[in-house]
Amino acid sequence: MRFATSSASSGECRPGCGACCIAPSISSPIPGMPDGKPAGVRCAQLDDANLCRLFGDPRRPTVCERFDHDAELCGDDRDEALERIAALELAT
């Protein structure tokens, strides 16, 4: 899963953010989390640097592959991304 860099228009992830691997719920099985993960729970595949261990791996859930940078959702920093994704999770 990817999030913005400090330059929101760049379309690239903010290194070490990991907000999209924590804030949303994921109903698909994930290696190490066969029942998916609830919202607000850190994904088992998120490493200490907040990078996905499954990036580019065919075992990565489709929902994760489809989640992409969105400047409006990512905000200006990791905390803002966590807040915005959590709010979206609650709204859906």
Protein backbone atom coordinates (compact mmCIF):
# COMPACT_ATOMS: atom_id res chain seq x y z
CA MET A 1 0.00 0.00 0.00
CA ARG A 2 1.30 3.39 -0.84
CA PHE A 3 1.05 6.85 0.57
CA ALA A 4 2.19 10.30 -0.48
CA THR A 5 5.59 11.84 -0.13
CA SER A 6 5.83 15.29 1.40
CA SER A 7 5.10 16.60 -2.07
CA ALA A 8 1.47 15.56 -2.45
CA SER A 9 1.51 16.17 -6.20
CA SER A 10 4.29 13.63 -6.78
CA GLY A 11 1.94 10.64 -6.63
CA GLU A 12 4.42 8.58 -4.65
CA CYS A 13 4.24 7.06 -1.20
CA ARG A 14 5.63 8.78 1.84
CA PRO A 15 8.48 6.46 2.93
CA GLY A 16 7.77 4.77 6.24
CA CYS A 17 4.17 5.99 6.50
CA GLY A 18 2.25 2.70 6.64
CA ALA A 19 -1.04 4.43 7.48
CA CYS A 20 -2.92 2.38 4.88
CA CYS A 21 -1.59 -0.80 6.56
CA ILE A 22 -2.96 0.24 9.95
CA ALA A 23 -6.09 2.41 9.72
CA PRO A 24 -8.42 0.45 7.40
CA SER A 25 -9.95 -2.95 7.97
CA ILE A 26 -9.00 -5.65 5.46
CA SER A 27 -11.39 -8.56 5.09
CA SER A 28 -9.13 -10.57 2.78
CA PRO A 29 -6.74 -13.14 4.24
CA ILE A 30 -3.20 -11.86 4.74
CA PRO A 31 -0.23 -14.13 5.47
CA GLY A 32 -0.08 -14.17 9.25
CA MET A 33 -3.66 -12.85 9.49
CA PRO A 34 -5.92 -15.49 7.90
CA ASP A 35 -9.10 -13.62 8.89
CA GLY A 36 -7.86 -10.26 7.62
CA LYS A 37 -7.35 -7.37 10.03
CA PRO A 38 -9.63 -4.99 11.90
CA ALA A 39 -9.38 -1.23 11.51
CA GLY A 40 -6.66 0.34 13.63
CA VAL A 41 -4.63 -2.87 13.90
CA ARG A 42 -1.15 -2.96 12.42
CA CYS A 43 -0.84 -5.48 9.56
CA ALA A 44 1.39 -8.44 10.37
CA GLN A 45 3.23 -7.78 7.09
CA LEU A 46 4.20 -4.21 8.00
CA ASP A 47 7.88 -4.17 8.96
CA ASP A 48 9.63 -1.98 11.54
CA ALA A 49 10.26 0.68 8.89
CA ASN A 50 6.49 0.72 8.08
CA LEU A 51 7.04 -0.92 4.69
CA CYS A 52 4.95 -3.80 3.34
CA ARG A 53 6.83 -7.11 3.30
CA LEU A 54 4.44 -8.36 0.59
CA PHE A 55 4.94 -5.49 -1.86
CA GLY A 56 5.28 -7.16 -5.27
CA ASP A 57 4.44 -10.58 -3.79
CA PRO A 58 1.48 -12.48 -5.33
CA ARG A 59 0.22 -13.26 -1.80
CA ARG A 60 -0.48 -9.56 -1.24
CA PRO A 61 -4.26 -9.02 -1.01
CA THR A 62 -5.88 -7.46 -4.08
CA VAL A 63 -7.37 -4.67 -1.95
CA CYS A 64 -3.83 -3.69 -0.93
CA GLU A 65 -2.62 -3.68 -4.54
CA ARG A 66 -5.50 -1.42 -5.54
CA PHE A 67 -4.99 1.06 -2.71
CA ASP A 68 -2.96 3.86 -4.20
CA HIS A 69 -1.72 7.33 -3.37
CA ASP A 70 -4.39 10.00 -3.16
CA ALA A 71 -3.13 13.45 -2.16
CA GLU A 72 -6.45 14.39 -0.57
CA LEU A 73 -6.62 11.22 1.51
CA CYS A 74 -2.90 11.08 2.36
CA GLY A 75 -2.73 14.65 3.61
CA ASP A 76 0.49 16.36 4.54
CA ASP A 77 1.92 13.78 6.95
CA ARG A 78 1.48 10.30 8.42
CA ASP A 79 -0.74 11.43 11.31
CA GLU A 80 -3.09 13.19 8.91
CA ALA A 81 -3.19 10.07 6.71
CA LEU A 82 -4.05 7.88 9.73
CA GLU A 83 -6.84 10.26 10.79
CA ARG A 84 -8.32 10.57 7.30
CA ILE A 85 -8.25 6.84 6.55
CA ALA A 86 -9.78 6.09 9.97
CA ALA A 87 -12.56 8.59 9.30
CA LEU A 88 -13.22 7.02 5.90
CA GLU A 89 -13.30 3.57 7.52
CA LEU A 90 -15.92 4.76 10.01
CA ALA A 91 -17.99 6.36 7.27
CA THR A 92 -18.13 3.16 5.23
